Amino acid sequence: MKPARTETFAHAISGLLKKREEMMEEIAITRERLAVLSNDVEAVDRVLETLGYDGEVRLTVRAPRIVLFYRGELRQFLIGQLREKGPQTARQLALTIINYEGKDGRDRRMMLDVVRRISKALRQMRDAGLAISENDTKRCEFVWRLAV
């Protein structure tokens, strides 16, 4: 092996970090494109059903669940957001998370998935005495706030 010209491998580290950043951007773009295509396929299926098509539709492979939050990470994020911004709905919290992650908020499937996960986490927080829900009759949604 040829001896290194620098003691710190700064050029190699810099190059690897740049390549990693490019790969992560490509993953994000591909994931967003996959979500858009999945939504389009589901829309075509709904139109076919509406038009009365009852033949066999080849089943599409279901995309695996994408890990957005690790254990306890969502709960900590929700506590922080409710502490900083006060009472919010699950949908408002989902928009905050989606924007924070740099995702497309128009992706209905991802939005529904994130809202569902947030709602479940908030219900668990309510059961644990960490959060309180109030029914907003105007919007037919729960408004969540911290219990403490």
Protein backbone atom coordinates (compact mmCIF):
# COMPACT_ATOMS: atom_id res chain seq x y z
CA MET A 1 0.00 0.00 0.00
CA LYS A 2 1.25 3.42 -0.92
CA PRO A 3 1.91 5.71 2.06
CA ALA A 4 -0.65 8.45 2.65
CA ARG A 5 0.36 12.00 1.78
CA THR A 6 -1.57 13.38 4.73
CA GLU A 7 -1.83 12.05 8.22
CA THR A 8 -5.57 12.75 8.56
CA PHE A 9 -6.96 11.29 5.30
CA ALA A 10 -8.87 14.56 4.89
CA HIS A 11 -9.23 14.20 1.11
CA ALA A 12 -10.55 10.65 1.35
CA ILE A 13 -12.98 11.59 4.10
CA SER A 14 -14.17 14.62 2.15
CA GLY A 15 -14.65 12.56 -1.02
CA LEU A 16 -16.53 9.81 0.82
CA LEU A 17 -18.81 12.31 2.53
CA LYS A 18 -19.59 13.95 -0.82
CA LYS A 19 -20.33 10.57 -2.42
CA ARG A 20 -22.54 9.60 0.54
CA GLU A 21 -24.49 12.85 0.20
CA GLU A 22 -25.05 12.21 -3.52
CA MET A 23 -26.24 8.67 -2.82
CA MET A 24 -28.65 9.84 -0.10
CA GLU A 25 -30.10 12.45 -2.48
CA GLU A 26 -30.58 9.76 -5.12
CA ILE A 27 -32.33 7.51 -2.57
CA ALA A 28 -34.68 10.35 -1.60
CA ILE A 29 -35.50 11.14 -5.24
CA THR A 30 -36.11 7.46 -6.02
CA ARG A 31 -38.30 7.04 -2.92
CA GLU A 32 -40.40 10.08 -3.89
CA ARG A 33 -40.76 8.80 -7.45
CA LEU A 34 -41.82 5.38 -6.15
CA ALA A 35 -44.47 7.02 -3.94
CA VAL A 36 -45.83 9.02 -6.88
CA LEU A 37 -45.99 5.89 -9.06
CA SER A 38 -47.71 3.92 -6.29
CA ASN A 39 -50.34 6.65 -5.95
CA ASP A 40 -50.85 6.64 -9.73
CA VAL A 41 -51.31 2.85 -9.83
CA GLU A 42 -53.84 3.03 -7.00
CA ALA A 43 -55.70 5.80 -8.85
CA VAL A 44 -55.83 3.71 -12.04
CA ASP A 45 -57.15 0.76 -10.03
CA ARG A 46 -59.90 2.95 -8.55
CA VAL A 47 -60.89 4.24 -12.01
CA LEU A 48 -60.99 0.69 -13.37
CA GLU A 49 -63.26 -0.34 -10.51
CA THR A 50 -65.47 2.72 -11.02
CA LEU A 51 -65.83 1.91 -14.72
CA GLY A 52 -67.06 -1.54 -13.80
CA TYR A 53 -64.01 -3.61 -14.67
CA ASP A 54 -64.29 -6.85 -12.76
CA GLY A 55 -61.56 -8.90 -14.46
CA GLU A 56 -58.34 -10.03 -12.90
CA VAL A 57 -55.91 -7.24 -12.16
CA ARG A 58 -52.40 -8.42 -11.64
CA LEU A 59 -51.54 -7.58 -8.08
CA THR A 60 -48.81 -5.09 -7.62
CA VAL A 61 -46.05 -5.73 -5.17
CA ARG A 62 -46.71 -3.81 -1.98
CA ALA A 63 -43.89 -1.49 -1.10
CA PRO A 64 -42.31 -2.30 2.25
CA ARG A 65 -42.93 0.01 5.16
CA ILE A 66 -40.38 2.77 5.26
CA VAL A 67 -38.83 3.36 8.64
CA LEU A 68 -39.30 7.05 9.36
CA PHE A 69 -38.77 6.99 13.10
CA TYR A 70 -36.76 4.83 15.39
CA ARG A 71 -37.85 3.71 18.84
CA GLY A 72 -38.91 6.71 20.94
CA GLU A 73 -37.85 9.22 18.29
CA LEU A 74 -41.40 10.12 17.21
CA ARG A 75 -42.57 10.59 20.80
CA GLN A 76 -39.65 12.91 21.56
CA PHE A 77 -40.31 14.88 18.37
CA LEU A 78 -44.02 15.25 19.22
CA ILE A 79 -43.27 16.38 22.77
CA GLY A 80 -40.81 18.95 21.44
CA GLN A 81 -43.26 20.28 18.84
CA LEU A 82 -46.17 20.50 21.28
CA ARG A 83 -43.90 22.23 23.80
CA GLU A 84 -42.60 24.75 21.22
CA LYS A 85 -45.71 25.47 19.15
CA GLY A 86 -48.54 24.63 21.52
CA PRO A 87 -51.73 22.66 20.70
CA GLN A 88 -51.85 21.11 17.22
CA THR A 89 -53.72 18.46 15.26
CA ALA A 90 -52.10 15.23 14.08
CA ARG A 91 -52.23 16.54 10.50
CA GLN A 92 -50.41 19.74 11.44
CA LEU A 93 -47.75 17.70 13.23
CA ALA A 94 -47.45 15.42 10.18
CA LEU A 95 -46.93 18.41 7.88
CA THR A 96 -44.22 19.67 10.21
CA ILE A 97 -42.44 16.30 10.13
CA ILE A 98 -42.78 15.94 6.36
CA ASN A 99 -41.42 19.44 5.77
CA TYR A 100 -38.64 18.84 8.29
CA GLU A 101 -37.61 15.67 6.44
CA GLY A 102 -37.75 17.50 3.09
CA LYS A 103 -40.44 15.21 1.67
CA ASP A 104 -43.30 16.11 -0.65
CA GLY A 105 -46.40 16.97 1.39
CA ARG A 106 -48.61 16.25 -1.64
CA ASP A 107 -47.84 12.53 -1.47
CA ARG A 108 -51.18 11.33 -0.08
CA ARG A 109 -50.00 7.85 0.80
CA MET A 110 -47.05 9.08 2.82
CA MET A 111 -49.17 11.78 4.46
CA LEU A 112 -51.82 9.26 5.54
CA ASP A 113 -49.13 6.92 6.83
CA VAL A 114 -47.44 9.66 8.87
CA VAL A 115 -50.79 10.96 10.23
CA ARG A 116 -51.73 7.40 11.22
CA ARG A 117 -48.43 6.86 13.02
CA ILE A 118 -48.62 10.23 14.77
CA SER A 119 -52.22 9.61 15.85
CA LYS A 120 -51.28 6.27 17.34
CA ALA A 121 -48.29 7.78 19.16
CA LEU A 122 -50.47 10.60 20.51
CA ARG A 123 -53.10 8.12 21.75
CA GLN A 124 -50.37 6.15 23.51
CA MET A 125 -49.07 9.40 25.01
CA ARG A 126 -52.61 10.21 26.19
CA ASP A 127 -52.91 6.77 27.80
CA ALA A 128 -49.57 7.35 29.53
CA GLY A 129 -50.74 10.75 30.80
CA LEU A 130 -48.31 12.77 28.65
CA ALA A 131 -50.83 14.37 26.28
CA ILE A 132 -54.42 15.58 26.34
CA SER A 133 -56.79 15.56 23.38
CA GLU A 134 -59.61 18.01 22.87
CA ASN A 135 -62.26 17.49 20.20
CA ASP A 136 -62.45 20.38 17.73
CA THR A 137 -66.06 20.21 16.50
CA LYS A 138 -65.46 22.73 13.69
CA ARG A 139 -62.78 20.65 11.97
CA CYS A 140 -63.82 17.23 13.32
CA GLU A 141 -60.27 16.63 14.56
CA PHE A 142 -58.56 16.22 17.87
CA VAL A 143 -56.33 19.05 19.02
CA TRP A 144 -53.45 17.70 21.11
CA ARG A 145 -51.49 19.43 23.85
CA LEU A 146 -49.06 18.36 26.53
CA ALA A 147 -50.54 17.30 29.85
CA VAL A 148 -47.85 19.02 31.92
